[in-house]
Amino acid sequence: MSARIYQRPKNAMQSGKARTDDWLLEFERSEAQRPDPLMGWAGSGDTQAQITLKFASADEAKAYAEKYGIEAHVIPTPPRRLKLQSYADNFR
């Protein structure tokens, strides 16, 4: 069973940064999704992919993974770049 640990990205549709401080542990899929013959929806029998665990820090998520024998790799958070400009810069 393998998992990935990452920090939640900022929502592109919102200007706020709510819930971006949380670190998530998500299990990777053990089997591919397949279409349901009746409805055509994509699904699988893998129930681990439905679980997302939330932690306050990456170290807590790593400790949890080590405690339960989960192979986890950490995806580093890309640096945030702020483009500071004023409204008057649109007319230069």
C-alpha atoms as a PDB file:
ATOM      1  CA  MET A   1       0.000   0.000   0.000  1.00  0.00           C
ATOM      2  CA  SER A   2       1.540   3.304  -1.047  1.00  0.00           C
ATOM      3  CA  ALA A   3       0.458   6.875  -0.456  1.00  0.00           C
ATOM      4  CA  ARG A   4       1.439  10.439  -1.213  1.00  0.00           C
ATOM      5  CA  ILE A   5       1.742  13.324   1.212  1.00  0.00           C
ATOM      6  CA  TYR A   6       1.230  16.833  -0.084  1.00  0.00           C
ATOM      7  CA  GLN A   7       0.037  20.258   0.944  1.00  0.00           C
ATOM      8  CA  ARG A   8      -3.325  21.320  -0.414  1.00  0.00           C
ATOM      9  CA  PRO A   9      -2.954  23.952  -3.187  1.00  0.00           C
ATOM     10  CA  LYS A  10      -4.788  27.250  -3.227  1.00  0.00           C
ATOM     11  CA  ASN A  11      -8.130  27.151  -5.005  1.00  0.00           C
ATOM     12  CA  ALA A  12      -7.749  28.858  -8.373  1.00  0.00           C
ATOM     13  CA  MET A  13     -11.345  30.099  -8.312  1.00  0.00           C
ATOM     14  CA  GLN A  14     -11.022  31.912  -4.987  1.00  0.00           C
ATOM     15  CA  SER A  15      -8.720  34.649  -3.763  1.00  0.00           C
ATOM     16  CA  GLY A  16      -8.497  33.282  -0.214  1.00  0.00           C
ATOM     17  CA  LYS A  17      -5.995  30.791   1.134  1.00  0.00           C
ATOM     18  CA  ALA A  18      -8.268  28.829   3.467  1.00  0.00           C
ATOM     19  CA  ARG A  19      -7.281  25.217   4.221  1.00  0.00           C
ATOM     20  CA  THR A  20      -3.916  25.561   2.438  1.00  0.00           C
ATOM     21  CA  ASP A  21      -1.950  24.922   5.640  1.00  0.00           C
ATOM     22  CA  ASP A  22      -3.173  21.319   5.903  1.00  0.00           C
ATOM     23  CA  TRP A  23      -1.089  18.366   4.753  1.00  0.00           C
ATOM     24  CA  LEU A  24      -2.987  15.489   3.125  1.00  0.00           C
ATOM     25  CA  LEU A  25      -2.182  11.803   2.942  1.00  0.00           C
ATOM     26  CA  GLU A  26      -3.915  10.086   0.017  1.00  0.00           C
ATOM     27  CA  PHE A  27      -3.580   6.457  -0.952  1.00  0.00           C
ATOM     28  CA  GLU A  28      -2.655   5.691  -4.541  1.00  0.00           C
ATOM     29  CA  ARG A  29      -4.939   3.488  -6.602  1.00  0.00           C
ATOM     30  CA  SER A  30      -4.187  -0.232  -6.515  1.00  0.00           C
ATOM     31  CA  GLU A  31      -6.331  -0.982  -9.562  1.00  0.00           C
ATOM     32  CA  ALA A  32      -7.421   0.988 -12.590  1.00  0.00           C
ATOM     33  CA  GLN A  33     -10.880   2.458 -12.929  1.00  0.00           C
ATOM     34  CA  ARG A  34     -13.239   0.814 -15.375  1.00  0.00           C
ATOM     35  CA  PRO A  35     -16.594   1.930 -16.766  1.00  0.00           C
ATOM     36  CA  ASP A  36     -19.709   0.484 -15.206  1.00  0.00           C
ATOM     37  CA  PRO A  37     -21.581  -1.554 -17.855  1.00  0.00           C
ATOM     38  CA  LEU A  38     -24.995  -0.201 -16.864  1.00  0.00           C
ATOM     39  CA  MET A  39     -24.419   3.507 -16.144  1.00  0.00           C
ATOM     40  CA  GLY A  40     -21.049   4.116 -17.765  1.00  0.00           C
ATOM     41  CA  TRP A  41     -19.589   5.758 -14.645  1.00  0.00           C
ATOM     42  CA  ALA A  42     -15.932   5.182 -13.869  1.00  0.00           C
ATOM     43  CA  GLY A  43     -15.273   3.171 -10.743  1.00  0.00           C
ATOM     44  CA  SER A  44     -13.271   0.384  -9.171  1.00  0.00           C
ATOM     45  CA  GLY A  45     -13.273  -1.923  -6.186  1.00  0.00           C
ATOM     46  CA  ASP A  46     -10.424  -0.005  -4.563  1.00  0.00           C
ATOM     47  CA  THR A  47     -11.821   1.585  -1.395  1.00  0.00           C
ATOM     48  CA  GLN A  48      -8.454   2.967  -0.181  1.00  0.00           C
ATOM     49  CA  ALA A  49      -8.541   5.638  -2.909  1.00  0.00           C
ATOM     50  CA  GLN A  50     -11.579   7.194  -1.220  1.00  0.00           C
ATOM     51  CA  ILE A  51      -9.654   7.979   1.981  1.00  0.00           C
ATOM     52  CA  THR A  52      -7.947  11.322   2.566  1.00  0.00           C
ATOM     53  CA  LEU A  53      -6.318  11.989   5.925  1.00  0.00           C
ATOM     54  CA  LYS A  54      -5.590  15.543   7.090  1.00  0.00           C
ATOM     55  CA  PHE A  55      -2.585  16.523   9.221  1.00  0.00           C
ATOM     56  CA  ALA A  56      -1.232  19.784  10.609  1.00  0.00           C
ATOM     57  CA  SER A  57       2.323  19.157   9.366  1.00  0.00           C
ATOM     58  CA  ALA A  58       4.258  16.931   6.996  1.00  0.00           C
ATOM     59  CA  ASP A  59       6.116  15.372   9.928  1.00  0.00           C
ATOM     60  CA  GLU A  60       2.848  14.205  11.498  1.00  0.00           C
ATOM     61  CA  ALA A  61       1.803  12.625   8.197  1.00  0.00           C
ATOM     62  CA  LYS A  62       5.185  10.871   7.856  1.00  0.00           C
ATOM     63  CA  ALA A  63       4.969   9.583  11.436  1.00  0.00           C
ATOM     64  CA  TYR A  64       1.482   8.189  10.769  1.00  0.00           C
ATOM     65  CA  ALA A  65       2.686   6.450   7.607  1.00  0.00           C
ATOM     66  CA  GLU A  66       5.682   4.925   9.399  1.00  0.00           C
ATOM     67  CA  LYS A  67       3.535   3.788  12.332  1.00  0.00           C
ATOM     68  CA  TYR A  68       1.164   1.847  10.077  1.00  0.00           C
ATOM     69  CA  GLY A  69       3.758   0.629   7.546  1.00  0.00           C
ATOM     70  CA  ILE A  70       2.555   2.741   4.633  1.00  0.00           C
ATOM     71  CA  GLU A  71       5.057   3.568   1.903  1.00  0.00           C
ATOM     72  CA  ALA A  72       4.611   7.316   1.518  1.00  0.00           C
ATOM     73  CA  HIS A  73       6.448   9.876  -0.563  1.00  0.00           C
ATOM     74  CA  VAL A  74       6.248  13.588   0.115  1.00  0.00           C
ATOM     75  CA  ILE A  75       5.479  15.957  -2.738  1.00  0.00           C
ATOM     76  CA  PRO A  76       7.159  19.277  -1.885  1.00  0.00           C
ATOM     77  CA  THR A  77       5.111  22.449  -2.016  1.00  0.00           C
ATOM     78  CA  PRO A  78       6.178  24.800  -4.821  1.00  0.00           C
ATOM     79  CA  PRO A  79       7.167  28.288  -3.655  1.00  0.00           C
ATOM     80  CA  ARG A  80       4.470  30.937  -3.833  1.00  0.00           C
ATOM     81  CA  ARG A  81       5.340  33.849  -6.044  1.00  0.00           C
ATOM     82  CA  LEU A  82       3.504  37.099  -5.561  1.00  0.00           C
ATOM     83  CA  LYS A  83       3.189  39.476  -8.465  1.00  0.00           C
ATOM     84  CA  LEU A  84       2.747  42.813  -6.778  1.00  0.00           C
ATOM     85  CA  GLN A  85       1.531  45.585  -9.011  1.00  0.00           C
ATOM     86  CA  SER A  86      -0.811  48.473  -8.721  1.00  0.00           C
ATOM     87  CA  TYR A  87      -3.848  49.241 -10.816  1.00  0.00           C
ATOM     88  CA  ALA A  88      -1.960  52.127 -12.450  1.00  0.00           C
ATOM     89  CA  ASP A  89       0.503  49.611 -13.968  1.00  0.00           C
ATOM     90  CA  ASN A  90      -2.257  48.508 -16.367  1.00  0.00           C
ATOM     91  CA  PHE A  91      -2.048  51.862 -18.151  1.00  0.00           C
ATOM     92  CA  ARG A  92       1.715  52.181 -18.652  1.00  0.00           C
END
